[in-house]
Amino acid sequence: MRKKINDNKILDYVFTSSEASILWGLESSTVKKACQSDTIYCRKSGRSWLVTDKSMNDRFGKILDRIVKGKHKNPVEGLLRLYTLNEIDIVDIKFKLPLPPKIRMDTIDKIQDIDDVDCE
């Protein structure tokens, strides 16, 4: 179930095309071409394309689905984003998600670095 977006955090759901490419595990050129060809909802701000998570999910699929299906170039970054937005928690990462062991451990290590907490 999709969480309601808090108006104070609305910018957490808007990305430059470069940020979106990292989070969704795509080539940067893929997102820029989608913007230029109007196959994704976006707008230009200065020299950068801006996209929303909804438009990225609609066009390329959800981050978590891409990670689980092995279609994500940088799954740890994608998982960290979902964790920081409270869309998944440490229990999901450790036990519930079908992740390769290396991705699981690398993500837990990064979360420990960010939160400075013991995830065991």
PDB file of N, CA and C in Angstrom:
ATOM      1  N   MET A   1       0.840  -1.173   0.000  1.00  0.00           N
ATOM      2  CA  MET A   1       0.000   0.000   0.000  1.00  0.00           C
ATOM      3  C   MET A   1       0.887   1.239   0.000  1.00  0.00           C
ATOM      4  N   ARG A   2       0.577   2.170  -0.878  1.00  0.00           N
ATOM      5  CA  ARG A   2       1.359   3.395  -0.995  1.00  0.00           C
ATOM      6  C   ARG A   2       1.026   4.346   0.147  1.00  0.00           C
ATOM      7  N   LYS A   3       2.066   4.896   0.751  1.00  0.00           N
ATOM      8  CA  LYS A   3       1.875   5.814   1.854  1.00  0.00           C
ATOM      9  C   LYS A   3       1.497   7.196   1.328  1.00  0.00           C
ATOM     10  N   LYS A   4       0.710   7.934   2.118  1.00  0.00           N
ATOM     11  CA  LYS A   4       0.368   9.305   1.761  1.00  0.00           C
ATOM     12  C   LYS A   4       1.619  10.165   1.934  1.00  0.00           C
ATOM     13  N   ILE A   5       1.861  11.008   0.961  1.00  0.00           N
ATOM     14  CA  ILE A   5       3.044  11.865   1.002  1.00  0.00           C
ATOM     15  C   ILE A   5       2.777  13.066   1.896  1.00  0.00           C
ATOM     16  N   ASN A   6       3.643  13.284   2.865  1.00  0.00           N
ATOM     17  CA  ASN A   6       3.590  14.439   3.733  1.00  0.00           C
ATOM     18  C   ASN A   6       4.046  15.657   2.930  1.00  0.00           C
ATOM     19  N   ASP A   7       3.242  16.730   2.919  1.00  0.00           N
ATOM     20  CA  ASP A   7       3.580  17.924   2.140  1.00  0.00           C
ATOM     21  C   ASP A   7       4.955  18.489   2.493  1.00  0.00           C
ATOM     22  N   ASN A   8       5.379  18.313   3.723  1.00  0.00           N
ATOM     23  CA  ASN A   8       6.690  18.824   4.128  1.00  0.00           C
ATOM     24  C   ASN A   8       7.837  18.027   3.517  1.00  0.00           C
ATOM     25  N   LYS A   9       7.534  16.859   2.993  1.00  0.00           N
ATOM     26  CA  LYS A   9       8.574  16.005   2.420  1.00  0.00           C
ATOM     27  C   LYS A   9       8.367  15.768   0.932  1.00  0.00           C
ATOM     28  N   ILE A  10       7.562  16.606   0.290  1.00  0.00           N
ATOM     29  CA  ILE A  10       7.226  16.403  -1.118  1.00  0.00           C
ATOM     30  C   ILE A  10       8.476  16.351  -2.001  1.00  0.00           C
ATOM     31  N   LEU A  11       9.500  17.108  -1.667  1.00  0.00           N
ATOM     32  CA  LEU A  11      10.712  17.111  -2.482  1.00  0.00           C
ATOM     33  C   LEU A  11      11.515  15.824  -2.350  1.00  0.00           C
ATOM     34  N   ASP A  12      11.186  14.984  -1.352  1.00  0.00           N
ATOM     35  CA  ASP A  12      11.817  13.666  -1.251  1.00  0.00           C
ATOM     36  C   ASP A  12      11.397  12.768  -2.410  1.00  0.00           C
ATOM     37  N   TYR A  13      10.364  13.181  -3.136  1.00  0.00           N
ATOM     38  CA  TYR A  13       9.827  12.377  -4.231  1.00  0.00           C
ATOM     39  C   TYR A  13      10.077  13.001  -5.603  1.00  0.00           C
ATOM     40  N   VAL A  14      10.954  14.008  -5.639  1.00  0.00           N
ATOM     41  CA  VAL A  14      11.347  14.658  -6.896  1.00  0.00           C
ATOM     42  C   VAL A  14      12.853  14.512  -7.044  1.00  0.00           C
ATOM     43  N   PHE A  15      13.283  14.117  -8.247  1.00  0.00           N
ATOM     44  CA  PHE A  15      14.696  13.822  -8.475  1.00  0.00           C
ATOM     45  C   PHE A  15      15.169  14.440  -9.778  1.00  0.00           C
ATOM     46  N   THR A  16      16.464  14.717  -9.831  1.00  0.00           N
ATOM     47  CA  THR A  16      17.051  15.031 -11.131  1.00  0.00           C
ATOM     48  C   THR A  16      17.131  13.712 -11.896  1.00  0.00           C
ATOM     49  N   SER A  17      17.296  13.795 -13.195  1.00  0.00           N
ATOM     50  CA  SER A  17      17.394  12.560 -13.981  1.00  0.00           C
ATOM     51  C   SER A  17      18.603  11.733 -13.539  1.00  0.00           C
ATOM     52  N   SER A  18      19.690  12.387 -13.119  1.00  0.00           N
ATOM     53  CA  SER A  18      20.876  11.650 -12.641  1.00  0.00           C
ATOM     54  C   SER A  18      20.584  10.901 -11.351  1.00  0.00           C
ATOM     55  N   GLU A  19      19.905  11.566 -10.406  1.00  0.00           N
ATOM     56  CA  GLU A  19      19.534  10.905  -9.157  1.00  0.00           C
ATOM     57  C   GLU A  19      18.593   9.736  -9.429  1.00  0.00           C
ATOM     58  N   ALA A  20      17.609   9.960 -10.286  1.00  0.00           N
ATOM     59  CA  ALA A  20      16.637   8.909 -10.603  1.00  0.00           C
ATOM     60  C   ALA A  20      17.319   7.706 -11.246  1.00  0.00           C
ATOM     61  N   SER A  21      18.285   7.955 -12.109  1.00  0.00           N
ATOM     62  CA  SER A  21      18.964   6.837 -12.760  1.00  0.00           C
ATOM     63  C   SER A  21      19.698   5.969 -11.742  1.00  0.00           C
ATOM     64  N   ILE A  22      20.289   6.585 -10.731  1.00  0.00           N
ATOM     65  CA  ILE A  22      20.972   5.828  -9.671  1.00  0.00           C
ATOM     66  C   ILE A  22      19.954   5.041  -8.846  1.00  0.00           C
ATOM     67  N   LEU A  23      18.881   5.712  -8.427  1.00  0.00           N
ATOM     68  CA  LEU A  23      17.894   5.077  -7.559  1.00  0.00           C
ATOM     69  C   LEU A  23      17.148   3.932  -8.235  1.00  0.00           C
ATOM     70  N   TRP A  24      16.867   4.080  -9.534  1.00  0.00           N
ATOM     71  CA  TRP A  24      16.144   3.026 -10.251  1.00  0.00           C
ATOM     72  C   TRP A  24      17.099   2.065 -10.956  1.00  0.00           C
ATOM     73  N   GLY A  25      18.402   2.292 -10.815  1.00  0.00           N
ATOM     74  CA  GLY A  25      19.380   1.374 -11.381  1.00  0.00           C
ATOM     75  C   GLY A  25      19.412   1.380 -12.898  1.00  0.00           C
ATOM     76  N   LEU A  26      19.317   2.562 -13.490  1.00  0.00           N
ATOM     77  CA  LEU A  26      19.304   2.723 -14.939  1.00  0.00           C
ATOM     78  C   LEU A  26      20.495   3.543 -15.393  1.00  0.00           C
ATOM     79  N   GLU A  27      20.771   3.475 -16.684  1.00  0.00           N
ATOM     80  CA  GLU A  27      21.764   4.384 -17.255  1.00  0.00           C
ATOM     81  C   GLU A  27      21.191   5.795 -17.223  1.00  0.00           C
ATOM     82  N   SER A  28      22.014   6.789 -16.959  1.00  0.00           N
ATOM     83  CA  SER A  28      21.567   8.177 -16.928  1.00  0.00           C
ATOM     84  C   SER A  28      20.925   8.581 -18.250  1.00  0.00           C
ATOM     85  N   SER A  29      21.498   8.096 -19.337  1.00  0.00           N
ATOM     86  CA  SER A  29      20.964   8.447 -20.658  1.00  0.00           C
ATOM     87  C   SER A  29      19.555   7.896 -20.866  1.00  0.00           C
ATOM     88  N   THR A  30      19.222   6.789 -20.222  1.00  0.00           N
ATOM     89  CA  THR A  30      17.890   6.192 -20.362  1.00  0.00           C
ATOM     90  C   THR A  30      16.819   7.134 -19.836  1.00  0.00           C
ATOM     91  N   VAL A  31      17.068   7.719 -18.664  1.00  0.00           N
ATOM     92  CA  VAL A  31      16.089   8.632 -18.067  1.00  0.00           C
ATOM     93  C   VAL A  31      16.016   9.919 -18.892  1.00  0.00           C
ATOM     94  N   LYS A  32      17.146  10.454 -19.307  1.00  0.00           N
ATOM     95  CA  LYS A  32      17.148  11.690 -20.112  1.00  0.00           C
ATOM     96  C   LYS A  32      16.420  11.484 -21.433  1.00  0.00           C
ATOM     97  N   LYS A  33      16.641  10.353 -22.089  1.00  0.00           N
ATOM     98  CA  LYS A  33      15.952  10.072 -23.357  1.00  0.00           C
ATOM     99  C   LYS A  33      14.451   9.946 -23.136  1.00  0.00           C
ATOM    100  N   ALA A  34      14.048   9.331 -22.019  1.00  0.00           N
ATOM    101  CA  ALA A  34      12.621   9.214 -21.715  1.00  0.00           C
ATOM    102  C   ALA A  34      12.003  10.601 -21.534  1.00  0.00           C
ATOM    103  N   CYS A  35      12.728  11.504 -20.905  1.00  0.00           N
ATOM    104  CA  CYS A  35      12.243  12.875 -20.727  1.00  0.00           C
ATOM    105  C   CYS A  35      12.156  13.591 -22.084  1.00  0.00           C
ATOM    106  N   GLN A  36      13.191  13.476 -22.869  1.00  0.00           N
ATOM    107  CA  GLN A  36      13.232  14.166 -24.156  1.00  0.00           C
ATOM    108  C   GLN A  36      12.165  13.659 -25.119  1.00  0.00           C
ATOM    109  N   SER A  37      11.808  12.385 -25.014  1.00  0.00           N
ATOM    110  CA  SER A  37      10.827  11.807 -25.934  1.00  0.00           C
ATOM    111  C   SER A  37       9.404  11.806 -25.360  1.00  0.00           C
ATOM    112  N   ASP A  38       9.222  12.436 -24.205  1.00  0.00           N
ATOM    113  CA  ASP A  38       7.907  12.525 -23.552  1.00  0.00           C
ATOM    114  C   ASP A  38       7.308  11.163 -23.205  1.00  0.00           C
ATOM    115  N   THR A  39       8.133  10.160 -22.933  1.00  0.00           N
ATOM    116  CA  THR A  39       7.601   8.871 -22.493  1.00  0.00           C
ATOM    117  C   THR A  39       7.527   8.791 -20.969  1.00  0.00           C
ATOM    118  N   ILE A  40       7.902   9.874 -20.328  1.00  0.00           N
ATOM    119  CA  ILE A  40       7.828   9.981 -18.869  1.00  0.00           C
ATOM    120  C   ILE A  40       7.461  11.425 -18.538  1.00  0.00           C
ATOM    121  N   TYR A  41       6.684  11.596 -17.468  1.00  0.00           N
ATOM    122  CA  TYR A  41       6.324  12.943 -17.056  1.00  0.00           C
ATOM    123  C   TYR A  41       7.521  13.575 -16.350  1.00  0.00           C
ATOM    124  N   CYS A  42       7.986  14.689 -16.864  1.00  0.00           N
ATOM    125  CA  CYS A  42       9.128  15.386 -16.268  1.00  0.00           C
ATOM    126  C   CYS A  42       9.108  16.831 -16.744  1.00  0.00           C
ATOM    127  N   ARG A  43      10.003  17.620 -16.195  1.00  0.00           N
ATOM    128  CA  ARG A  43      10.149  18.992 -16.672  1.00  0.00           C
ATOM    129  C   ARG A  43      11.593  19.422 -16.509  1.00  0.00           C
ATOM    130  N   LYS A  44      11.963  20.376 -17.322  1.00  0.00           N
ATOM    131  CA  LYS A  44      13.324  20.889 -17.301  1.00  0.00           C
ATOM    132  C   LYS A  44      13.403  22.051 -16.314  1.00  0.00           C
ATOM    133  N   SER A  45      14.446  22.062 -15.499  1.00  0.00           N
ATOM    134  CA  SER A  45      14.720  23.174 -14.591  1.00  0.00           C
ATOM    135  C   SER A  45      16.183  23.541 -14.788  1.00  0.00           C
ATOM    136  N   GLY A  46      16.421  24.656 -15.446  1.00  0.00           N
ATOM    137  CA  GLY A  46      17.793  25.001 -15.803  1.00  0.00           C
ATOM    138  C   GLY A  46      18.307  23.982 -16.799  1.00  0.00           C
ATOM    139  N   ARG A  47      19.402  23.343 -16.458  1.00  0.00           N
ATOM    140  CA  ARG A  47      19.977  22.322 -17.340  1.00  0.00           C
ATOM    141  C   ARG A  47      19.608  20.906 -16.923  1.00  0.00           C
ATOM    142  N   SER A  48      18.791  20.780 -15.882  1.00  0.00           N
ATOM    143  CA  SER A  48      18.448  19.454 -15.351  1.00  0.00           C
ATOM    144  C   SER A  48      17.001  19.082 -15.650  1.00  0.00           C
ATOM    145  N   TRP A  49      16.792  17.797 -15.905  1.00  0.00           N
ATOM    146  CA  TRP A  49      15.448  17.250 -15.983  1.00  0.00           C
ATOM    147  C   TRP A  49      15.024  16.846 -14.580  1.00  0.00           C
ATOM    148  N   LEU A  50      13.790  17.170 -14.198  1.00  0.00           N
ATOM    149  CA  LEU A  50      13.233  16.771 -12.910  1.00  0.00           C
ATOM    150  C   LEU A  50      12.124  15.757 -13.145  1.00  0.00           C
ATOM    151  N   VAL A  51      12.143  14.691 -12.351  1.00  0.00           N
ATOM    152  CA  VAL A  51      11.138  13.625 -12.460  1.00  0.00           C
ATOM    153  C   VAL A  51      10.619  13.290 -11.071  1.00  0.00           C
ATOM    154  N   THR A  52       9.426  12.712 -11.025  1.00  0.00           N
ATOM    155  CA  THR A  52       8.865  12.279  -9.741  1.00  0.00           C
ATOM    156  C   THR A  52       8.988  10.765  -9.613  1.00  0.00           C
ATOM    157  N   ASP A  53       8.898  10.292  -8.387  1.00  0.00           N
ATOM    158  CA  ASP A  53       8.960   8.847  -8.198  1.00  0.00           C
ATOM    159  C   ASP A  53       7.774   8.166  -8.866  1.00  0.00           C
ATOM    160  N   LYS A  54       6.617   8.800  -8.890  1.00  0.00           N
ATOM    161  CA  LYS A  54       5.449   8.201  -9.538  1.00  0.00           C
ATOM    162  C   LYS A  54       5.691   8.017 -11.034  1.00  0.00           C
ATOM    163  N   SER A  55       6.230   9.027 -11.686  1.00  0.00           N
ATOM    164  CA  SER A  55       6.469   8.890 -13.124  1.00  0.00           C
ATOM    165  C   SER A  55       7.548   7.836 -13.406  1.00  0.00           C
ATOM    166  N   MET A  56       8.558   7.750 -12.542  1.00  0.00           N
ATOM    167  CA  MET A  56       9.593   6.723 -12.702  1.00  0.00           C
ATOM    168  C   MET A  56       9.001   5.327 -12.486  1.00  0.00           C
ATOM    169  N   ASN A  57       8.183   5.186 -11.441  1.00  0.00           N
ATOM    170  CA  ASN A  57       7.549   3.891 -11.173  1.00  0.00           C
ATOM    171  C   ASN A  57       6.633   3.475 -12.317  1.00  0.00           C
ATOM    172  N   ASP A  58       5.876   4.441 -12.848  1.00  0.00           N
ATOM    173  CA  ASP A  58       4.953   4.137 -13.947  1.00  0.00           C
ATOM    174  C   ASP A  58       5.700   3.687 -15.195  1.00  0.00           C
ATOM    175  N   ARG A  59       6.828   4.303 -15.485  1.00  0.00           N
ATOM    176  CA  ARG A  59       7.560   3.999 -16.722  1.00  0.00           C
ATOM    177  C   ARG A  59       8.516   2.808 -16.567  1.00  0.00           C
ATOM    178  N   PHE A  60       9.250   2.761 -15.444  1.00  0.00           N
ATOM    179  CA  PHE A  60      10.323   1.771 -15.297  1.00  0.00           C
ATOM    180  C   PHE A  60      10.050   0.701 -14.235  1.00  0.00           C
ATOM    181  N   GLY A  61       9.004   0.844 -13.466  1.00  0.00           N
ATOM    182  CA  GLY A  61       8.706  -0.101 -12.400  1.00  0.00           C
ATOM    183  C   GLY A  61       9.231   0.395 -11.059  1.00  0.00           C
ATOM    184  N   LYS A  62       8.736  -0.176 -10.006  1.00  0.00           N
ATOM    185  CA  LYS A  62       9.144   0.230  -8.658  1.00  0.00           C
ATOM    186  C   LYS A  62      10.572  -0.218  -8.382  1.00  0.00           C
ATOM    187  N   ILE A  63      11.261   0.555  -7.568  1.00  0.00           N
ATOM    188  CA  ILE A  63      12.660   0.261  -7.229  1.00  0.00           C
ATOM    189  C   ILE A  63      12.787  -1.154  -6.677  1.00  0.00           C
ATOM    190  N   LEU A  64      11.947  -1.497  -5.710  1.00  0.00           N
ATOM    191  CA  LEU A  64      12.048  -2.803  -5.062  1.00  0.00           C
ATOM    192  C   LEU A  64      11.813  -3.943  -6.053  1.00  0.00           C
ATOM    193  N   ASP A  65      10.851  -3.783  -6.937  1.00  0.00           N
ATOM    194  CA  ASP A  65      10.603  -4.816  -7.956  1.00  0.00           C
ATOM    195  C   ASP A  65      11.814  -4.987  -8.860  1.00  0.00           C
ATOM    196  N   ARG A  66      12.447  -3.885  -9.248  1.00  0.00           N
ATOM    197  CA  ARG A  66      13.631  -3.948 -10.108  1.00  0.00           C
ATOM    198  C   ARG A  66      14.778  -4.660  -9.384  1.00  0.00           C
ATOM    199  N   ILE A  67      14.916  -4.405  -8.081  1.00  0.00           N
ATOM    200  CA  ILE A  67      15.980  -5.035  -7.301  1.00  0.00           C
ATOM    201  C   ILE A  67      15.742  -6.545  -7.206  1.00  0.00           C
ATOM    202  N   VAL A  68      14.531  -6.926  -6.818  1.00  0.00           N
ATOM    203  CA  VAL A  68      14.204  -8.343  -6.627  1.00  0.00           C
ATOM    204  C   VAL A  68      14.337  -9.118  -7.941  1.00  0.00           C
ATOM    205  N   LYS A  69      13.998  -8.476  -9.062  1.00  0.00           N
ATOM    206  CA  LYS A  69      14.072  -9.135 -10.369  1.00  0.00           C
ATOM    207  C   LYS A  69      15.486  -9.104 -10.964  1.00  0.00           C
ATOM    208  N   GLY A  70      16.421  -8.462 -10.268  1.00  0.00           N
ATOM    209  CA  GLY A  70      17.797  -8.408 -10.754  1.00  0.00           C
ATOM    210  C   GLY A  70      18.006  -7.420 -11.896  1.00  0.00           C
ATOM    211  N   LYS A  71      17.117  -6.442 -12.043  1.00  0.00           N
ATOM    212  CA  LYS A  71      17.216  -5.469 -13.126  1.00  0.00           C
ATOM    213  C   LYS A  71      17.829  -4.146 -12.671  1.00  0.00           C
ATOM    214  N   HIS A  72      18.287  -4.073 -11.451  1.00  0.00           N
ATOM    215  CA  HIS A  72      18.807  -2.836 -10.864  1.00  0.00           C
ATOM    216  C   HIS A  72      20.329  -2.861 -10.880  1.00  0.00           C
ATOM    217  N   LYS A  73      20.952  -1.813 -11.424  1.00  0.00           N
ATOM    218  CA  LYS A  73      22.407  -1.741 -11.502  1.00  0.00           C
ATOM    219  C   LYS A  73      23.071  -1.541 -10.149  1.00  0.00           C
ATOM    220  N   ASN A  74      22.401  -0.862  -9.220  1.00  0.00           N
ATOM    221  CA  ASN A  74      22.987  -0.560  -7.918  1.00  0.00           C
ATOM    222  C   ASN A  74      21.935  -0.794  -6.827  1.00  0.00           C
ATOM    223  N   PRO A  75      21.630  -2.059  -6.524  1.00  0.00           N
ATOM    224  CA  PRO A  75      20.531  -2.359  -5.604  1.00  0.00           C
ATOM    225  C   PRO A  75      20.713  -1.819  -4.188  1.00  0.00           C
ATOM    226  N   VAL A  76      21.942  -1.699  -3.726  1.00  0.00           N
ATOM    227  CA  VAL A  76      22.153  -1.185  -2.362  1.00  0.00           C
ATOM    228  C   VAL A  76      21.647   0.252  -2.261  1.00  0.00           C
ATOM    229  N   GLU A  77      21.942   1.087  -3.248  1.00  0.00           N
ATOM    230  CA  GLU A  77      21.462   2.476  -3.232  1.00  0.00           C
ATOM    231  C   GLU A  77      19.942   2.528  -3.268  1.00  0.00           C
ATOM    232  N   GLY A  78      19.329   1.676  -4.072  1.00  0.00           N
ATOM    233  CA  GLY A  78      17.872   1.624  -4.132  1.00  0.00           C
ATOM    234  C   GLY A  78      17.260   1.225  -2.802  1.00  0.00           C
ATOM    235  N   LEU A  79      17.828   0.208  -2.173  1.00  0.00           N
ATOM    236  CA  LEU A  79      17.328  -0.237  -0.867  1.00  0.00           C
ATOM    237  C   LEU A  79      17.512   0.837   0.197  1.00  0.00           C
ATOM    238  N   LEU A  80      18.629   1.547   0.161  1.00  0.00           N
ATOM    239  CA  LEU A  80      18.861   2.615   1.141  1.00  0.00           C
ATOM    240  C   LEU A  80      17.827   3.726   1.006  1.00  0.00           C
ATOM    241  N   ARG A  81      17.469   4.056  -0.229  1.00  0.00           N
ATOM    242  CA  ARG A  81      16.451   5.085  -0.429  1.00  0.00           C
ATOM    243  C   ARG A  81      15.117   4.639   0.156  1.00  0.00           C
ATOM    244  N   LEU A  82      14.726   3.415  -0.124  1.00  0.00           N
ATOM    245  CA  LEU A  82      13.466   2.898   0.412  1.00  0.00           C
ATOM    246  C   LEU A  82      13.493   2.869   1.933  1.00  0.00           C
ATOM    247  N   TYR A  83      14.638   2.526   2.495  1.00  0.00           N
ATOM    248  CA  TYR A  83      14.791   2.502   3.956  1.00  0.00           C
ATOM    249  C   TYR A  83      14.670   3.912   4.542  1.00  0.00           C
ATOM    250  N   THR A  84      15.339   4.892   3.936  1.00  0.00           N
ATOM    251  CA  THR A  84      15.301   6.256   4.482  1.00  0.00           C
ATOM    252  C   THR A  84      13.916   6.882   4.382  1.00  0.00           C
ATOM    253  N   LEU A  85      13.102   6.422   3.432  1.00  0.00           N
ATOM    254  CA  LEU A  85      11.728   6.914   3.320  1.00  0.00           C
ATOM    255  C   LEU A  85      10.740   6.068   4.121  1.00  0.00           C
ATOM    256  N   ASN A  86      11.260   5.120   4.904  1.00  0.00           N
ATOM    257  CA  ASN A  86      10.441   4.228   5.737  1.00  0.00           C
ATOM    258  C   ASN A  86       9.480   3.374   4.916  1.00  0.00           C
ATOM    259  N   GLU A  87       9.866   3.050   3.681  1.00  0.00           N
ATOM    260  CA  GLU A  87       9.033   2.170   2.862  1.00  0.00           C
ATOM    261  C   GLU A  87       9.400   0.707   3.090  1.00  0.00           C
ATOM    262  N   ILE A  88      10.590   0.463   3.598  1.00  0.00           N
ATOM    263  CA  ILE A  88      10.998  -0.862   4.067  1.00  0.00           C
ATOM    264  C   ILE A  88      11.758  -0.653   5.366  1.00  0.00           C
ATOM    265  N   ASP A  89      11.880  -1.703   6.153  1.00  0.00           N
ATOM    266  CA  ASP A  89      12.650  -1.582   7.394  1.00  0.00           C
ATOM    267  C   ASP A  89      13.733  -2.663   7.431  1.00  0.00           C
ATOM    268  N   ILE A  90      14.488  -2.661   8.492  1.00  0.00           N
ATOM    269  CA  ILE A  90      15.629  -3.570   8.598  1.00  0.00           C
ATOM    270  C   ILE A  90      15.165  -5.029   8.612  1.00  0.00           C
ATOM    271  N   VAL A  91      13.998  -5.306   9.176  1.00  0.00           N
ATOM    272  CA  VAL A  91      13.471  -6.677   9.192  1.00  0.00           C
ATOM    273  C   VAL A  91      13.184  -7.150   7.765  1.00  0.00           C
ATOM    274  N   ASP A  92      12.625  -6.249   6.944  1.00  0.00           N
ATOM    275  CA  ASP A  92      12.390  -6.594   5.534  1.00  0.00           C
ATOM    276  C   ASP A  92      13.707  -6.968   4.856  1.00  0.00           C
ATOM    277  N   ILE A  93      14.707  -6.151   5.067  1.00  0.00           N
ATOM    278  CA  ILE A  93      16.004  -6.370   4.416  1.00  0.00           C
ATOM    279  C   ILE A  93      16.655  -7.657   4.907  1.00  0.00           C
ATOM    280  N   LYS A  94      16.607  -7.889   6.208  1.00  0.00           N
ATOM    281  CA  LYS A  94      17.277  -9.060   6.773  1.00  0.00           C
ATOM    282  C   LYS A  94      16.553 -10.367   6.499  1.00  0.00           C
ATOM    283  N   PHE A  95      15.204 -10.350   6.500  1.00  0.00           N
ATOM    284  CA  PHE A  95      14.490 -11.619   6.479  1.00  0.00           C
ATOM    285  C   PHE A  95      13.428 -11.779   5.392  1.00  0.00           C
ATOM    286  N   LYS A  96      12.757 -10.717   5.008  1.00  0.00           N
ATOM    287  CA  LYS A  96      11.565 -10.872   4.168  1.00  0.00           C
ATOM    288  C   LYS A  96      11.833 -10.781   2.667  1.00  0.00           C
ATOM    289  N   LEU A  97      12.796  -9.955   2.262  1.00  0.00           N
ATOM    290  CA  LEU A  97      13.026  -9.754   0.837  1.00  0.00           C
ATOM    291  C   LEU A  97      13.941 -10.826   0.270  1.00  0.00           C
ATOM    292  N   PRO A  98      13.615 -11.334  -0.924  1.00  0.00           N
ATOM    293  CA  PRO A  98      14.472 -12.346  -1.554  1.00  0.00           C
ATOM    294  C   PRO A  98      15.699 -11.691  -2.198  1.00  0.00           C
ATOM    295  N   LEU A  99      16.679 -11.369  -1.370  1.00  0.00           N
ATOM    296  CA  LEU A  99      17.877 -10.680  -1.843  1.00  0.00           C
ATOM    297  C   LEU A  99      19.081 -11.613  -1.842  1.00  0.00           C
ATOM    298  N   PRO A 100      19.993 -11.422  -2.787  1.00  0.00           N
ATOM    299  CA  PRO A 100      21.253 -12.162  -2.715  1.00  0.00           C
ATOM    300  C   PRO A 100      21.996 -11.778  -1.424  1.00  0.00           C
ATOM    301  N   PRO A 101      22.705 -12.728  -0.804  1.00  0.00           N
ATOM    302  CA  PRO A 101      23.372 -12.459   0.474  1.00  0.00           C
ATOM    303  C   PRO A 101      24.301 -11.247   0.460  1.00  0.00           C
ATOM    304  N   LYS A 102      25.065 -11.048  -0.612  1.00  0.00           N
ATOM    305  CA  LYS A 102      26.000  -9.912  -0.655  1.00  0.00           C
ATOM    306  C   LYS A 102      25.243  -8.582  -0.629  1.00  0.00           C
ATOM    307  N   ILE A 103      24.168  -8.487  -1.389  1.00  0.00           N
ATOM    308  CA  ILE A 103      23.366  -7.264  -1.402  1.00  0.00           C
ATOM    309  C   ILE A 103      22.760  -7.040  -0.025  1.00  0.00           C
ATOM    310  N   ARG A 104      22.250  -8.105   0.578  1.00  0.00           N
ATOM    311  CA  ARG A 104      21.658  -8.000   1.914  1.00  0.00           C
ATOM    312  C   ARG A 104      22.681  -7.465   2.918  1.00  0.00           C
ATOM    313  N   MET A 105      23.875  -8.040   2.945  1.00  0.00           N
ATOM    314  CA  MET A 105      24.899  -7.635   3.920  1.00  0.00           C
ATOM    315  C   MET A 105      25.432  -6.230   3.635  1.00  0.00           C
ATOM    316  N   ASP A 106      25.663  -5.907   2.359  1.00  0.00           N
ATOM    317  CA  ASP A 106      26.142  -4.559   2.018  1.00  0.00           C
ATOM    318  C   ASP A 106      25.134  -3.498   2.432  1.00  0.00           C
ATOM    319  N   THR A 107      23.850  -3.787   2.241  1.00  0.00           N
ATOM    320  CA  THR A 107      22.807  -2.833   2.627  1.00  0.00           C
ATOM    321  C   THR A 107      22.766  -2.666   4.136  1.00  0.00           C
ATOM    322  N   ILE A 108      22.820  -3.757   4.871  1.00  0.00           N
ATOM    323  CA  ILE A 108      22.805  -3.683   6.337  1.00  0.00           C
ATOM    324  C   ILE A 108      24.019  -2.898   6.835  1.00  0.00           C
ATOM    325  N   ASP A 109      25.186  -3.130   6.247  1.00  0.00           N
ATOM    326  CA  ASP A 109      26.387  -2.379   6.632  1.00  0.00           C
ATOM    327  C   ASP A 109      26.202  -0.880   6.408  1.00  0.00           C
ATOM    328  N   LYS A 110      25.629  -0.500   5.276  1.00  0.00           N
ATOM    329  CA  LYS A 110      25.414   0.925   4.975  1.00  0.00           C
ATOM    330  C   LYS A 110      24.410   1.538   5.941  1.00  0.00           C
ATOM    331  N   ILE A 111      23.356   0.796   6.267  1.00  0.00           N
ATOM    332  CA  ILE A 111      22.364   1.307   7.212  1.00  0.00           C
ATOM    333  C   ILE A 111      23.005   1.514   8.577  1.00  0.00           C
ATOM    334  N   GLN A 112      23.857   0.584   8.988  1.00  0.00           N
ATOM    335  CA  GLN A 112      24.548   0.758  10.260  1.00  0.00           C
ATOM    336  C   GLN A 112      25.421   2.000  10.233  1.00  0.00           C
ATOM    337  N   ASP A 113      26.083   2.265   9.102  1.00  0.00           N
ATOM    338  CA  ASP A 113      26.899   3.465   8.984  1.00  0.00           C
ATOM    339  C   ASP A 113      26.056   4.730   9.078  1.00  0.00           C
ATOM    340  N   ILE A 114      24.887   4.716   8.425  1.00  0.00           N
ATOM    341  CA  ILE A 114      24.022   5.889   8.416  1.00  0.00           C
ATOM    342  C   ILE A 114      23.379   6.110   9.785  1.00  0.00           C
ATOM    343  N   ASP A 115      22.775   5.069  10.326  1.00  0.00           N
ATOM    344  CA  ASP A 115      22.020   5.189  11.578  1.00  0.00           C
ATOM    345  C   ASP A 115      22.877   5.046  12.811  1.00  0.00           C
ATOM    346  N   ASP A 116      24.092   4.518  12.627  1.00  0.00           N
ATOM    347  CA  ASP A 116      24.980   4.233  13.750  1.00  0.00           C
ATOM    348  C   ASP A 116      24.253   3.386  14.804  1.00  0.00           C
ATOM    349  N   VAL A 117      23.537   2.356  14.302  1.00  0.00           N
ATOM    350  CA  VAL A 117      22.826   1.442  15.186  1.00  0.00           C
ATOM    351  C   VAL A 117      23.261   0.012  14.905  1.00  0.00           C
ATOM    352  N   ASP A 118      23.005  -0.841  15.858  1.00  0.00           N
ATOM    353  CA  ASP A 118      23.302  -2.264  15.690  1.00  0.00           C
ATOM    354  C   ASP A 118      22.059  -2.920  15.094  1.00  0.00           C
ATOM    355  N   CYS A 119      22.198  -3.472  13.908  1.00  0.00           N
ATOM    356  CA  CYS A 119      21.067  -4.067  13.190  1.00  0.00           C
ATOM    357  C   CYS A 119      20.907  -5.550  13.463  1.00  0.00           C
ATOM    358  N   GLU A 120      21.614  -6.091  14.415  1.00  0.00           N
ATOM    359  CA  GLU A 120      21.541  -7.538  14.676  1.00  0.00           C
ATOM    360  C   GLU A 120      20.442  -7.887  15.630  1.00  0.00           C
TER     361      GLU A 120
END
